Amino acid sequence: MLSVILSWIYIFLICTLIGIGVLNLFEKRNFSLSGYLVAGIVVITVYVEFFSIFMKIGACAHLFLLLAALLSGYVKRDIIQQLWRRYCPAICSWEGFFYGCFVLGIAFFTSRGEFHTDTNIYHAAAIRIYEEYGLVKGIGNLQLHYAYNSSYLAFASIFSLKWLLGYSVHTTTGFLETFMCLYAFGGLKDFKRHKSHIADMMRVGILLYTLINVTRSMSPATDYATMYFVLFVITAWCENLFESHSDVTVYALLSVVAVFAVTLKFSSCLLVMLAVYPAYCFIRDKKWREIIAYIFCGCIIICPFLVRNYFISGWLLYPFDGIDIFQTVWKIPKEYLLHDANQIKVWGRCLYDVNKIDMPVKQWLPIWWEHQFRYEQMFLGAVVIASILQLVILFSRILKKKKLRLQLIVLHIAIWGNIAVWFFMAPFIRYGLAFLIAVIMIAVGEYLSEKKRGFYSIVTGGLVFCIIVSVSPYWDQYITDAGVFVKQGLSDPYYIRQKDYDEGSMDSCEINGNVIWFAAEGEINSYHVFPGTCYKDMLDRSTLIGDRIEDGFCAK
C-alpha cells in the first residue's frame, strides 16, 4: 500500500503540473484541479505515444517529462498557490479526513487481488514492450492483441518505473479510480444547492462503476480507463450545462478529451459526436481561429495512435478492414484480421464460433440474453426502463412547450450511438458499461430535477422505483464481492510493496538467434520475459523480418 500511495502522489504531481502548463498555454484562465489533472493525463499519454515511435520508454523519456513538469511548476507557480489556497481548507477538515480514508481504501485494493484476464493475456506484456523497445514493427503478428494499441498502456508504461525500481509499478488504474471518485464526491457535497441533479447522478454513476471494478484496481486494463474517461466527459458536460455557465470553451475541451477516449478504446468512437455542439457555436459566431485550434488538438491526439497502428499492424485501424491503404512487409494478413474481428463479435454475442458471425440478431439475441447473469439481466432491464422514463419526460416537456437544449440532445445522440455500436459489434457488458450507466443516471437525474404533479408524478415515480429495484442486485453483487475481497486480502503481505504481475509457465524458441517466449500452459503472457505471446500457433505463423527484435515481425 505504501508504494501505491507514493506512486499516486508522484503521478498526481506530474500530471497536474503538466496540465497547468498546457492548459494555460491554450487558454489564459483558471480551471479546476480536475481539469488540470485530466489535461495532464491526456498530454502525457500523447507524449509517450510519440516518444515510443523513436525510443523505448525509460529513463530518457521520464527525464524530459520531469523537466517539463518542473518548468511548468516554476513558471505557473502563481496558479499552484491559488489551487493550494482553494483546496487546503477542505484537506484540513473532516471532509479531508474522509477523502484520506477513501484513498487508503482504494490503495488497499490496488495493492493486491486479481488481474483482469486481458492483463495477463496482453496488457502487461504490451507495457513491457513499451519499456524495452518503445515500438516493434509488426508486433501484432506475434500476438494479434498487441495490435489493439490502446493509448492507456502508454500512460501505464511511463509510470511503471521499472528502469528505476527494478520491478513494475501498476497503479494507474487505482489512481484513475481515486481521482474520479474524489471528483464525484466533490460535486455531490453540493447536492442540495443544485437545481438540476443530472450531473449529480452521473457522479453517482462514477461511484457505481468504481464499485464494480474495485477488486481489480491494480490491473492496467484498457476497459477501465476508457469507461472512466467516458463517464468523466459525460459528467463534466452535464456539470457545465446545468451547474455552470454553459461555457462553449469547456464543451470544446471535453470534445478533445472525447477524441482521447477513442484512442483508449476505439469502441467509444461515437463519443466524438459531442464536438458537433461546440463546432456549431464557433461557426455561428465565426470563431474560425478557435475551430482551427481545437481541430489541431484533436489531430495531435489521434496522430500518434494512427502512426503506431501503422507500425504495429500495418493497418490504420485494427481490426477494421474498411481502410486498407498500406502494403508493408509487416502487415497482418487480412484473413487474420477478419478472423480476429469476427471472433470479438461472436464472443461478445456469446456464440463462441466464428462460423456463426452472420447469424441474424433475432437468433443470437436470445442466446446472448440467456448467457447473462441474473443481476446483469436486471441491470439491462433498468436501462430499458430508464429509456422509457426519458421518453415520458421528453413528451411532457414537448406538451408543456419547454425549450429543448441542443447540448443535451447532442449528448443523448452520442450516448445512444455508442450503445448501438456496442450492441451490434461486441455486446460484452463491460465494453459499453459507462454508456449504459449514463442512460440510467441521466434519466433518474432528470426525474429528480422535475416538478412532479398528478398522474405524471405517479408514472415517473413508478418508473424510478422499478429502476432502483432492477439495479439493486447489480450493486449488491459487487458490494458482496468487495466485502469478501477485503476479508481474504487482510492477511496478504502487500502493505509496503504492491503485488507483482502474475508469472505464467513460459517456454521459448529461437528465431534468427533471438529468444521468443510463449505460454506453455494457460493464457498468461508473462510480463517478466519478453517478447512473448500467449499463443504458440500465432508464433508458428510469424517470423522476424531481420536478425533483431527491433527489425520487427511479419507473417510467414
Protein backbone atom coordinates (compact mmCIF):
# COMPACT_ATOMS: atom_id res chain seq x y z
CA MET A 1 0.00 0.00 0.00
CA LEU A 2 2.81 2.38 0.83
CA SER A 3 4.36 2.05 -2.63
CA VAL A 4 0.92 2.57 -4.19
CA ILE A 5 0.29 5.82 -2.32
CA LEU A 6 3.78 7.15 -3.07
CA SER A 7 3.24 6.30 -6.74
CA TRP A 8 -0.09 8.15 -6.75
CA ILE A 9 1.46 11.25 -5.21
CA TYR A 10 4.10 11.25 -7.93
CA ILE A 11 1.56 10.67 -10.75
CA PHE A 12 -0.67 13.42 -9.32
CA LEU A 13 2.13 15.97 -9.14
CA ILE A 14 3.50 15.25 -12.63
CA CYS A 15 0.07 15.19 -14.31
CA THR A 16 -1.16 18.31 -12.53
CA LEU A 17 1.97 20.34 -13.32
CA ILE A 18 1.92 19.29 -16.98
CA GLY A 19 -1.81 20.03 -17.17
CA ILE A 20 -1.36 23.50 -15.69
CA GLY A 21 1.35 24.34 -18.19
CA VAL A 22 -0.54 23.08 -21.24
CA LEU A 23 -3.99 24.46 -20.41
CA ASN A 24 -2.60 27.91 -19.69
CA LEU A 25 -0.73 27.92 -22.97
CA PHE A 26 -4.05 27.15 -24.62
CA GLU A 27 -6.46 29.21 -22.53
CA LYS A 28 -5.49 32.13 -20.27
CA ARG A 29 -7.95 31.36 -17.49
CA ASN A 30 -8.29 29.38 -14.29
CA PHE A 31 -9.52 25.80 -14.39
CA SER A 32 -10.47 23.32 -11.67
CA LEU A 33 -7.94 20.86 -10.32
CA SER A 34 -9.76 18.04 -12.10
CA GLY A 35 -9.43 19.95 -15.39
CA TYR A 36 -5.68 20.35 -14.96
CA LEU A 37 -5.29 16.70 -13.98
CA VAL A 38 -7.23 15.36 -16.98
CA ALA A 39 -5.27 17.66 -19.30
CA GLY A 40 -2.04 16.34 -17.83
CA ILE A 41 -3.06 12.70 -18.32
CA VAL A 42 -4.00 13.37 -21.95
CA VAL A 43 -0.80 15.28 -22.76
CA ILE A 44 1.50 12.76 -21.05
CA THR A 45 -0.17 9.85 -22.84
CA VAL A 46 0.21 11.54 -26.23
CA TYR A 47 3.83 12.41 -25.40
CA VAL A 48 4.63 8.78 -24.55
CA GLU A 49 2.99 7.55 -27.75
CA PHE A 50 5.08 9.94 -29.84
CA PHE A 51 8.27 9.14 -27.91
CA SER A 52 7.73 5.38 -28.24
CA ILE A 53 7.85 5.64 -32.03
CA PHE A 54 11.54 6.55 -31.77
CA MET A 55 12.80 5.24 -28.41
CA LYS A 56 11.92 2.98 -25.53
CA ILE A 57 10.06 4.38 -22.52
CA GLY A 58 12.75 4.51 -19.87
CA ALA A 59 14.94 7.00 -18.04
CA CYS A 60 15.32 9.35 -21.01
CA ALA A 61 11.57 9.65 -21.62
CA HIS A 62 11.00 10.23 -17.93
CA LEU A 63 13.74 12.85 -17.66
CA PHE A 64 12.16 15.02 -20.36
CA LEU A 65 8.76 14.64 -18.69
CA LEU A 66 10.13 15.55 -15.27
CA LEU A 67 11.93 18.61 -16.61
CA ALA A 68 8.76 19.80 -18.36
CA ALA A 69 6.74 19.35 -15.15
CA LEU A 70 9.30 21.28 -13.07
CA LEU A 71 9.45 24.07 -15.63
CA SER A 72 5.65 24.31 -15.71
CA GLY A 73 5.52 24.37 -11.92
CA TYR A 74 8.05 27.19 -11.73
CA VAL A 75 6.53 29.36 -14.46
CA LYS A 76 2.95 28.85 -13.26
CA ARG A 77 3.67 28.87 -9.51
CA ASP A 78 1.00 31.54 -9.00
CA ILE A 79 -1.67 29.11 -10.22
CA ILE A 80 -0.32 26.40 -7.90
CA GLN A 81 -0.61 28.85 -4.99
CA GLN A 82 -4.21 29.64 -5.98
CA LEU A 83 -5.07 25.95 -6.13
CA TRP A 84 -3.49 25.37 -2.73
CA ARG A 85 -5.48 28.21 -1.16
CA ARG A 86 -8.69 26.86 -2.74
CA TYR A 87 -8.29 23.21 -1.69
CA CYS A 88 -6.28 23.44 1.54
CA PRO A 89 -9.30 24.22 3.80
CA ALA A 90 -11.05 21.05 2.54
CA ILE A 91 -7.93 18.95 3.10
CA CYS A 92 -7.54 20.20 6.67
CA SER A 93 -11.10 19.29 7.71
CA TRP A 94 -13.38 16.34 8.34
CA GLU A 95 -14.04 16.30 4.62
CA GLY A 96 -10.32 15.85 4.05
CA PHE A 97 -10.27 13.08 6.66
CA PHE A 98 -12.99 11.25 4.71
CA TYR A 99 -11.04 11.66 1.47
CA GLY A 100 -7.91 10.34 3.16
CA CYS A 101 -9.71 7.23 4.39
CA PHE A 102 -11.14 6.67 0.93
CA VAL A 103 -7.68 6.94 -0.64
CA LEU A 104 -6.36 4.36 1.82
CA GLY A 105 -9.26 2.07 0.92
CA ILE A 106 -8.57 2.20 -2.82
CA ALA A 107 -4.83 1.80 -2.10
CA PHE A 108 -5.67 -1.43 -0.27
CA PHE A 109 -7.49 -2.77 -3.34
CA THR A 110 -4.73 -1.56 -5.68
CA SER A 111 -2.01 -3.34 -3.72
CA ARG A 112 -3.41 -6.88 -4.06
CA GLY A 113 -6.05 -9.05 -5.70
CA GLU A 114 -6.63 -10.49 -9.15
CA PHE A 115 -5.63 -9.20 -12.55
CA HIS A 116 -8.10 -8.68 -15.37
CA THR A 117 -7.93 -11.65 -17.76
CA ASP A 118 -6.72 -9.45 -20.62
CA THR A 119 -3.94 -8.02 -18.44
CA ASN A 120 -2.40 -11.47 -18.24
CA ILE A 121 -3.04 -12.05 -21.95
CA TYR A 122 -1.51 -8.83 -23.30
CA HIS A 123 -1.77 -5.63 -21.21
CA ALA A 124 1.27 -6.34 -19.04
CA ALA A 125 3.30 -7.73 -21.95
CA ALA A 126 2.48 -4.67 -24.09
CA ILE A 127 3.67 -2.37 -21.29
CA ARG A 128 6.94 -4.33 -21.17
CA ILE A 129 7.37 -3.82 -24.92
CA TYR A 130 6.96 -0.07 -24.39
CA GLU A 131 9.69 -0.24 -21.75
CA GLU A 132 12.15 -2.40 -23.71
CA TYR A 133 11.64 -1.28 -27.32
CA GLY A 134 9.08 1.50 -27.49
CA LEU A 135 7.65 0.13 -30.70
CA VAL A 136 8.27 -3.07 -32.69
CA LYS A 137 7.07 -3.17 -36.27
CA GLY A 138 4.53 -5.89 -36.91
CA ILE A 139 4.42 -6.99 -33.27
CA GLY A 140 0.73 -7.73 -33.89
CA ASN A 141 1.83 -10.76 -35.93
CA LEU A 142 3.36 -12.27 -32.81
CA GLN A 143 0.05 -11.82 -30.99
CA LEU A 144 -2.93 -10.07 -32.52
CA HIS A 145 -3.90 -8.42 -29.22
CA TYR A 146 -0.84 -6.15 -29.42
CA ALA A 147 -2.40 -4.54 -32.50
CA TYR A 148 -5.31 -3.18 -30.41
CA ASN A 149 -2.87 -0.45 -29.38
CA SER A 150 -4.74 1.26 -26.54
CA SER A 151 -3.08 4.56 -25.63
CA TYR A 152 -3.76 3.78 -21.96
CA LEU A 153 -0.90 1.29 -21.99
CA ALA A 154 1.39 4.17 -22.95
CA PHE A 155 0.29 6.10 -19.86
CA ALA A 156 0.75 2.99 -17.71
CA SER A 157 4.25 2.41 -19.12
CA ILE A 158 5.63 5.86 -18.25
CA PHE A 159 4.62 5.38 -14.61
CA SER A 160 5.71 1.73 -14.44
CA LEU A 161 9.22 2.91 -13.41
CA LYS A 162 10.86 -0.48 -13.93
CA TRP A 163 14.02 1.24 -15.16
CA LEU A 164 14.32 2.88 -11.73
CA LEU A 165 12.90 0.34 -9.27
CA GLY A 166 13.76 -2.95 -10.96
CA TYR A 167 10.10 -4.02 -10.88
CA SER A 168 6.94 -2.66 -12.46
CA VAL A 169 4.53 -0.41 -10.57
CA HIS A 170 0.98 -0.87 -11.90
CA THR A 171 -1.02 1.74 -10.02
CA THR A 172 -2.50 3.89 -12.79
CA THR A 173 -5.96 2.29 -12.71
CA GLY A 174 -6.20 2.77 -8.96
CA PHE A 175 -5.08 6.35 -9.47
CA LEU A 176 -7.85 6.96 -12.02
CA GLU A 177 -10.40 5.37 -9.67
CA THR A 178 -9.29 7.56 -6.78
CA PHE A 179 -9.25 10.76 -8.83
CA MET A 180 -12.63 10.11 -10.47
CA CYS A 181 -14.29 9.25 -7.16
CA LEU A 182 -12.88 12.32 -5.40
CA TYR A 183 -14.13 14.39 -8.34
CA ALA A 184 -17.57 12.80 -7.86
CA PHE A 185 -17.58 13.34 -4.09
CA GLY A 186 -16.55 16.97 -4.55
CA GLY A 187 -19.60 17.63 -6.70
CA LEU A 188 -22.05 15.60 -4.63
CA LYS A 189 -21.36 17.58 -1.45
CA ASP A 190 -23.33 20.46 -3.02
CA PHE A 191 -26.26 18.22 -3.97
CA LYS A 192 -28.86 20.29 -2.09
CA ARG A 193 -27.78 23.51 -3.80
CA HIS A 194 -28.16 22.14 -7.32
CA LYS A 195 -31.39 22.89 -9.17
CA SER A 196 -30.61 20.07 -11.60
CA HIS A 197 -29.38 16.69 -10.39
CA ILE A 198 -28.38 15.18 -13.74
CA ALA A 199 -24.67 15.79 -13.13
CA ASP A 200 -25.10 14.59 -9.54
CA MET A 201 -26.50 11.26 -10.70
CA MET A 202 -23.67 10.90 -13.22
CA ARG A 203 -21.30 11.34 -10.27
CA VAL A 204 -23.15 8.50 -8.55
CA GLY A 205 -22.59 6.54 -11.76
CA ILE A 206 -18.82 7.03 -11.39
CA LEU A 207 -19.00 5.64 -7.86
CA LEU A 208 -21.09 2.68 -9.07
CA TYR A 209 -18.57 1.90 -11.80
CA THR A 210 -15.75 2.00 -9.23
CA LEU A 211 -17.63 -0.45 -7.02
CA ILE A 212 -17.97 -2.83 -9.98
CA ASN A 213 -14.24 -2.91 -10.72
CA VAL A 214 -12.61 -2.11 -7.39
CA THR A 215 -11.35 -5.65 -6.74
CA ARG A 216 -9.17 -5.40 -9.87
CA SER A 217 -7.86 -1.92 -9.21
CA MET A 218 -4.24 -2.92 -9.76
CA SER A 219 -4.90 -4.16 -13.29
CA PRO A 220 -3.91 -1.73 -16.11
CA ALA A 221 -7.00 -2.78 -18.06
CA THR A 222 -7.91 -0.67 -21.08
CA ASP A 223 -11.66 -1.13 -20.47
CA TYR A 224 -11.46 0.58 -17.09
CA ALA A 225 -9.59 3.64 -18.30
CA THR A 226 -11.90 4.05 -21.29
CA MET A 227 -15.08 3.83 -19.24
CA TYR A 228 -13.75 6.26 -16.62
CA PHE A 229 -12.96 8.88 -19.24
CA VAL A 230 -16.35 8.36 -20.90
CA LEU A 231 -18.06 8.86 -17.55
CA PHE A 232 -15.93 11.92 -16.84
CA VAL A 233 -16.72 13.55 -20.18
CA ILE A 234 -20.47 12.95 -19.80
CA THR A 235 -20.48 14.14 -16.18
CA ALA A 236 -18.43 17.27 -16.90
CA TRP A 237 -20.66 18.00 -19.93
CA CYS A 238 -23.77 17.88 -17.70
CA GLU A 239 -21.99 19.87 -14.99
CA ASN A 240 -21.11 22.63 -17.46
CA LEU A 241 -24.68 22.64 -18.80
CA PHE A 242 -26.64 22.61 -15.54
CA GLU A 243 -24.28 23.87 -12.81
CA SER A 244 -22.04 26.37 -14.60
CA HIS A 245 -22.49 28.94 -17.36
CA SER A 246 -22.65 26.50 -20.30
CA ASP A 247 -19.21 27.66 -21.44
CA VAL A 248 -18.54 26.75 -25.08
CA THR A 249 -14.79 26.53 -24.37
CA VAL A 250 -15.45 23.80 -21.80
CA TYR A 251 -17.59 21.89 -24.31
CA ALA A 252 -14.79 22.18 -26.86
CA LEU A 253 -12.17 20.92 -24.41
CA LEU A 254 -14.40 18.00 -23.43
CA SER A 255 -14.75 17.16 -27.12
CA VAL A 256 -10.96 16.98 -27.29
CA VAL A 257 -10.99 14.59 -24.29
CA ALA A 258 -13.61 12.55 -26.18
CA VAL A 259 -11.10 12.15 -29.02
CA PHE A 260 -8.60 10.94 -26.42
CA ALA A 261 -11.16 8.36 -25.20
CA VAL A 262 -11.28 6.98 -28.75
CA THR A 263 -7.53 6.25 -28.59
CA LEU A 264 -8.07 4.42 -25.29
CA LYS A 265 -10.53 2.06 -26.97
CA PHE A 266 -11.97 2.58 -30.42
CA SER A 267 -15.36 1.23 -29.34
CA SER A 268 -16.06 4.66 -27.79
CA CYS A 269 -15.61 6.33 -31.20
CA LEU A 270 -19.04 7.97 -31.43
CA LEU A 271 -18.40 9.98 -28.27
CA VAL A 272 -16.68 12.47 -30.60
CA MET A 273 -20.16 13.41 -31.83
CA LEU A 274 -20.16 15.78 -28.85
CA ALA A 275 -17.91 18.03 -30.92
CA VAL A 276 -20.95 18.92 -33.07
CA TYR A 277 -22.22 21.38 -30.47
CA PRO A 278 -19.08 23.50 -29.91
CA ALA A 279 -18.42 23.37 -33.67
CA TYR A 280 -21.93 24.75 -34.29
CA CYS A 281 -21.36 27.54 -31.76
CA PHE A 282 -17.98 28.53 -33.20
CA ILE A 283 -19.26 28.50 -36.77
CA ARG A 284 -22.33 30.53 -35.75
CA ASP A 285 -20.09 33.12 -34.08
CA LYS A 286 -17.49 32.93 -36.89
CA LYS A 287 -14.70 31.99 -34.49
CA TRP A 288 -12.51 30.34 -37.12
CA ARG A 289 -9.37 30.62 -35.01
CA GLU A 290 -10.92 28.51 -32.25
CA ILE A 291 -12.14 25.93 -34.75
CA ILE A 292 -8.63 25.53 -36.18
CA ALA A 293 -7.10 25.33 -32.68
CA TYR A 294 -9.39 22.56 -31.46
CA ILE A 295 -9.14 20.59 -34.69
CA PHE A 296 -5.36 20.84 -34.32
CA CYS A 297 -5.59 19.49 -30.75
CA GLY A 298 -7.71 16.55 -31.91
CA CYS A 299 -5.23 15.78 -34.69
CA ILE A 300 -2.29 15.89 -32.26
CA ILE A 301 -4.07 13.36 -30.03
CA ILE A 302 -5.12 10.96 -32.78
CA CYS A 303 -1.92 11.20 -34.85
CA PRO A 304 0.46 9.04 -32.73
CA PHE A 305 -2.33 6.50 -32.22
CA LEU A 306 -2.70 6.09 -36.00
CA VAL A 307 1.06 6.07 -36.60
CA ARG A 308 1.53 3.34 -34.00
CA ASN A 309 -1.32 1.39 -35.60
CA TYR A 310 0.53 1.53 -38.91
CA PHE A 311 3.81 0.27 -37.46
CA ILE A 312 2.32 -2.34 -35.14
CA SER A 313 -0.15 -3.92 -37.55
CA GLY A 314 0.25 -2.37 -41.00
CA TRP A 315 -3.38 -1.18 -40.74
CA LEU A 316 -4.66 2.32 -39.97
CA LEU A 317 -7.38 0.99 -37.64
CA TYR A 318 -7.03 -2.58 -36.43
CA PRO A 319 -9.13 -4.78 -36.57
CA PHE A 320 -11.09 -2.75 -39.16
CA ASP A 321 -10.52 -3.71 -42.78
CA GLY A 322 -12.54 -0.85 -44.29
CA ILE A 323 -9.42 1.31 -44.67
CA ASP A 324 -6.84 -0.82 -46.49
CA ILE A 325 -4.23 1.61 -47.83
CA PHE A 326 -0.85 0.23 -46.74
CA GLN A 327 1.27 -2.53 -48.23
CA THR A 328 4.11 -3.27 -45.82
CA VAL A 329 6.26 -6.29 -45.07
CA TRP A 330 4.95 -6.44 -41.52
CA LYS A 331 1.26 -6.07 -42.34
CA ILE A 332 -1.03 -8.52 -40.55
CA PRO A 333 -2.72 -10.60 -43.28
CA LYS A 334 -6.32 -9.63 -43.92
CA GLU A 335 -7.57 -13.15 -43.21
CA TYR A 336 -6.09 -12.98 -39.69
CA LEU A 337 -7.62 -9.53 -39.13
CA LEU A 338 -11.07 -10.67 -40.25
CA HIS A 339 -10.90 -13.79 -38.10
CA ASP A 340 -9.90 -11.69 -35.09
CA ALA A 341 -12.65 -9.11 -35.72
CA ASN A 342 -15.26 -11.82 -36.15
CA GLN A 343 -14.06 -13.62 -33.06
CA ILE A 344 -14.54 -10.46 -30.98
CA LYS A 345 -18.11 -10.17 -32.29
CA VAL A 346 -19.16 -13.78 -31.75
CA TRP A 347 -17.59 -13.88 -28.28
CA GLY A 348 -19.47 -10.71 -27.39
CA ARG A 349 -22.68 -12.34 -28.61
CA CYS A 350 -21.89 -15.48 -26.55
CA LEU A 351 -21.83 -17.66 -29.70
CA TYR A 352 -18.15 -18.69 -29.39
CA ASP A 353 -17.99 -19.89 -33.01
CA VAL A 354 -16.62 -17.69 -35.78
CA ASN A 355 -18.72 -19.61 -38.33
CA LYS A 356 -21.82 -18.06 -36.72
CA ILE A 357 -20.76 -14.49 -37.50
CA ASP A 358 -23.65 -13.98 -39.95
CA MET A 359 -26.35 -15.22 -37.58
CA PRO A 360 -29.25 -12.71 -37.57
CA VAL A 361 -29.92 -10.59 -34.48
CA LYS A 362 -33.24 -12.32 -33.77
CA GLN A 363 -31.38 -15.64 -33.48
CA TRP A 364 -28.35 -14.64 -31.43
CA LEU A 365 -30.13 -12.18 -29.14
CA PRO A 366 -31.94 -14.88 -27.08
CA ILE A 367 -28.67 -16.82 -26.76
CA TRP A 368 -26.82 -13.71 -25.62
CA TRP A 369 -29.55 -12.89 -23.12
CA GLU A 370 -29.51 -16.35 -21.57
CA HIS A 371 -25.75 -16.15 -21.04
CA GLN A 372 -26.04 -13.02 -18.89
CA PHE A 373 -26.10 -13.41 -15.12
CA ARG A 374 -29.39 -12.64 -13.43
CA TYR A 375 -28.09 -9.39 -11.91
CA GLU A 376 -26.85 -8.34 -15.38
CA GLN A 377 -30.27 -9.04 -16.89
CA MET A 378 -31.82 -6.91 -14.16
CA PHE A 379 -29.36 -4.12 -14.89
CA LEU A 380 -30.17 -4.22 -18.61
CA GLY A 381 -33.84 -4.12 -17.66
CA ALA A 382 -33.10 -0.93 -15.71
CA VAL A 383 -31.60 0.59 -18.89
CA VAL A 384 -34.83 -0.18 -20.78
CA ILE A 385 -36.99 1.31 -18.01
CA ALA A 386 -34.72 4.38 -17.85
CA SER A 387 -35.17 4.82 -21.60
CA ILE A 388 -38.96 4.77 -21.15
CA LEU A 389 -38.64 7.31 -18.33
CA GLN A 390 -36.62 9.62 -20.57
CA LEU A 391 -39.28 9.38 -23.29
CA VAL A 392 -42.06 10.20 -20.79
CA ILE A 393 -40.14 13.24 -19.56
CA LEU A 394 -39.41 14.32 -23.14
CA PHE A 395 -43.07 14.12 -24.19
CA SER A 396 -44.06 16.03 -21.06
CA ARG A 397 -41.67 18.84 -21.95
CA ILE A 398 -42.91 18.93 -25.54
CA LEU A 399 -46.54 19.15 -24.37
CA LYS A 400 -45.63 21.97 -22.00
CA LYS A 401 -43.72 23.66 -24.86
CA LYS A 402 -40.49 23.78 -22.87
CA LYS A 403 -37.31 24.56 -24.76
CA LEU A 404 -35.12 21.54 -25.53
CA ARG A 405 -31.41 22.15 -25.04
CA LEU A 406 -29.22 21.32 -28.00
CA GLN A 407 -26.32 20.39 -25.70
CA LEU A 408 -28.42 17.67 -24.07
CA ILE A 409 -29.78 16.42 -27.42
CA VAL A 410 -26.22 16.02 -28.76
CA LEU A 411 -25.22 14.21 -25.56
CA HIS A 412 -28.10 11.73 -25.88
CA ILE A 413 -27.28 11.08 -29.55
CA ALA A 414 -23.61 10.39 -28.65
CA ILE A 415 -24.59 8.03 -25.82
CA TRP A 416 -27.14 6.06 -27.84
CA GLY A 417 -24.88 5.98 -30.89
CA ASN A 418 -22.20 4.27 -28.80
CA ILE A 419 -24.74 1.87 -27.31
CA ALA A 420 -25.78 0.89 -30.84
CA VAL A 421 -22.12 0.30 -31.82
CA TRP A 422 -21.62 -1.73 -28.64
CA PHE A 423 -24.72 -3.87 -29.17
CA PHE A 424 -24.18 -4.74 -32.81
CA MET A 425 -20.40 -5.13 -32.68
CA ALA A 426 -19.47 -6.86 -29.40
CA PRO A 427 -22.08 -6.67 -26.61
CA PHE A 428 -19.90 -7.66 -23.67
CA ILE A 429 -21.48 -5.56 -20.92
CA ARG A 430 -18.08 -4.31 -19.75
CA TYR A 431 -17.40 -2.81 -23.20
CA GLY A 432 -20.38 -0.45 -23.02
CA LEU A 433 -20.96 -0.20 -19.27
CA ALA A 434 -20.31 3.55 -18.97
CA PHE A 435 -22.89 4.38 -21.64
CA LEU A 436 -25.46 2.03 -20.07
CA ILE A 437 -24.87 3.59 -16.66
CA ALA A 438 -25.24 7.04 -18.22
CA VAL A 439 -28.71 6.20 -19.56
CA ILE A 440 -29.89 5.19 -16.09
CA MET A 441 -28.27 8.05 -14.22
CA ILE A 442 -29.35 10.82 -16.60
CA ALA A 443 -32.96 9.54 -16.52
CA VAL A 444 -33.05 9.47 -12.71
CA GLY A 445 -31.31 12.86 -12.60
CA GLU A 446 -33.95 14.34 -14.90
CA TYR A 447 -36.69 12.89 -12.67
CA LEU A 448 -35.15 14.42 -9.55
CA SER A 449 -34.88 17.79 -11.32
CA GLU A 450 -38.53 17.88 -12.48
CA LYS A 451 -41.57 19.30 -10.70
CA LYS A 452 -43.95 16.36 -10.37
CA ARG A 453 -47.71 16.61 -10.02
CA GLY A 454 -50.74 14.39 -10.50
CA PHE A 455 -50.74 11.32 -12.73
CA TYR A 456 -47.39 12.34 -14.26
CA SER A 457 -45.71 12.02 -10.85
CA ILE A 458 -47.25 8.57 -10.34
CA VAL A 459 -45.95 7.33 -13.72
CA THR A 460 -42.43 8.77 -13.39
CA GLY A 461 -42.14 7.82 -9.72
CA GLY A 462 -43.19 4.25 -10.53
CA LEU A 463 -40.57 4.01 -13.26
CA VAL A 464 -37.86 5.30 -10.92
CA PHE A 465 -38.90 2.74 -8.31
CA CYS A 466 -38.60 -0.03 -10.92
CA ILE A 467 -35.14 1.26 -11.91
CA ILE A 468 -33.93 1.16 -8.31
CA VAL A 469 -35.28 -2.38 -7.83
CA SER A 470 -33.67 -3.53 -11.10
CA VAL A 471 -30.25 -2.01 -10.34
CA SER A 472 -30.13 -3.19 -6.70
CA PRO A 473 -28.96 -6.78 -7.44
CA TYR A 474 -26.15 -5.34 -9.54
CA TRP A 475 -24.55 -3.26 -6.84
CA ASP A 476 -25.43 -5.88 -4.18
CA GLN A 477 -23.38 -8.41 -6.19
CA TYR A 478 -20.31 -6.18 -6.18
CA ILE A 479 -20.68 -4.98 -2.60
CA THR A 480 -20.60 -8.64 -1.58
CA ASP A 481 -17.57 -9.27 -3.80
CA ALA A 482 -15.74 -6.29 -2.28
CA GLY A 483 -16.54 -7.46 1.25
CA VAL A 484 -15.24 -10.98 0.56
CA PHE A 485 -12.15 -9.47 -1.09
CA VAL A 486 -11.35 -7.36 1.98
CA LYS A 487 -11.81 -10.31 4.33
CA GLN A 488 -9.49 -12.52 2.29
CA GLY A 489 -6.96 -9.80 1.50
CA LEU A 490 -6.29 -8.51 5.00
CA SER A 491 -3.71 -11.23 5.63
CA ASP A 492 -1.87 -10.70 2.31
CA PRO A 493 1.65 -9.23 2.76
CA TYR A 494 1.26 -6.22 0.44
CA TYR A 495 1.16 -3.31 2.89
CA ILE A 496 4.54 -1.99 1.77
CA ARG A 497 5.07 -3.18 -1.81
CA GLN A 498 2.36 -3.93 -4.34
CA LYS A 499 1.70 -7.45 -5.62
CA ASP A 500 3.71 -8.14 -8.79
CA TYR A 501 2.35 -9.28 -12.14
CA ASP A 502 1.44 -12.96 -12.37
CA GLU A 503 4.15 -15.31 -13.60
CA GLY A 504 2.88 -17.90 -16.03
CA SER A 505 4.55 -21.07 -17.21
CA MET A 506 6.53 -19.94 -20.27
CA ASP A 507 8.57 -21.81 -22.84
CA SER A 508 10.81 -20.39 -25.57
CA CYS A 509 12.18 -20.91 -29.05
CA GLU A 510 14.75 -19.14 -31.22
CA ILE A 511 14.13 -17.17 -34.41
CA ASN A 512 17.24 -15.85 -36.16
CA GLY A 513 19.17 -16.20 -32.90
CA ASN A 514 16.58 -14.31 -30.82
CA VAL A 515 14.68 -15.91 -27.95
CA ILE A 516 10.90 -15.63 -28.28
CA TRP A 517 8.67 -16.74 -25.39
CA PHE A 518 5.27 -18.37 -25.45
CA ALA A 519 2.84 -19.64 -22.82
CA ALA A 520 3.48 -23.31 -22.10
CA GLU A 521 0.05 -23.65 -20.50
CA GLY A 522 -2.86 -21.37 -19.71
CA GLU A 523 -3.23 -17.82 -21.00
CA ILE A 524 -0.60 -15.79 -19.19
CA ASN A 525 1.75 -13.82 -21.42
CA SER A 526 4.26 -13.06 -18.70
CA TYR A 527 5.48 -9.51 -18.11
CA HIS A 528 8.72 -10.94 -16.78
CA VAL A 529 10.04 -12.29 -20.11
CA PHE A 530 9.88 -10.55 -23.48
CA PRO A 531 8.94 -10.55 -26.24
CA GLY A 532 6.27 -13.16 -25.72
CA THR A 533 2.91 -14.46 -26.84
CA CYS A 534 0.07 -16.40 -25.26
CA TYR A 535 -0.50 -18.43 -28.38
CA LYS A 536 2.05 -20.80 -29.90
CA ASP A 537 0.06 -21.01 -33.15
CA MET A 538 0.47 -17.24 -33.68
CA LEU A 539 4.19 -17.61 -33.09
CA ASP A 540 4.39 -20.51 -35.55
CA ARG A 541 2.89 -18.46 -38.36
CA SER A 542 5.23 -15.48 -37.74
CA THR A 543 8.92 -14.76 -38.19
CA LEU A 544 11.39 -11.93 -37.76
CA ILE A 545 11.97 -9.51 -40.64
CA GLY A 546 15.69 -9.30 -39.85
CA ASP A 547 18.19 -10.52 -37.29
CA ARG A 548 16.98 -8.38 -34.38
CA ILE A 549 13.71 -7.98 -32.49
CA GLU A 550 13.83 -4.28 -33.40
CA ASP A 551 13.59 -5.19 -37.09
CA GLY A 552 10.04 -6.35 -36.46
CA PHE A 553 7.82 -9.35 -37.14
CA CYS A 554 5.96 -10.43 -40.25
CA ALA A 555 3.69 -13.29 -41.25
CA LYS A 556 5.39 -16.28 -42.83
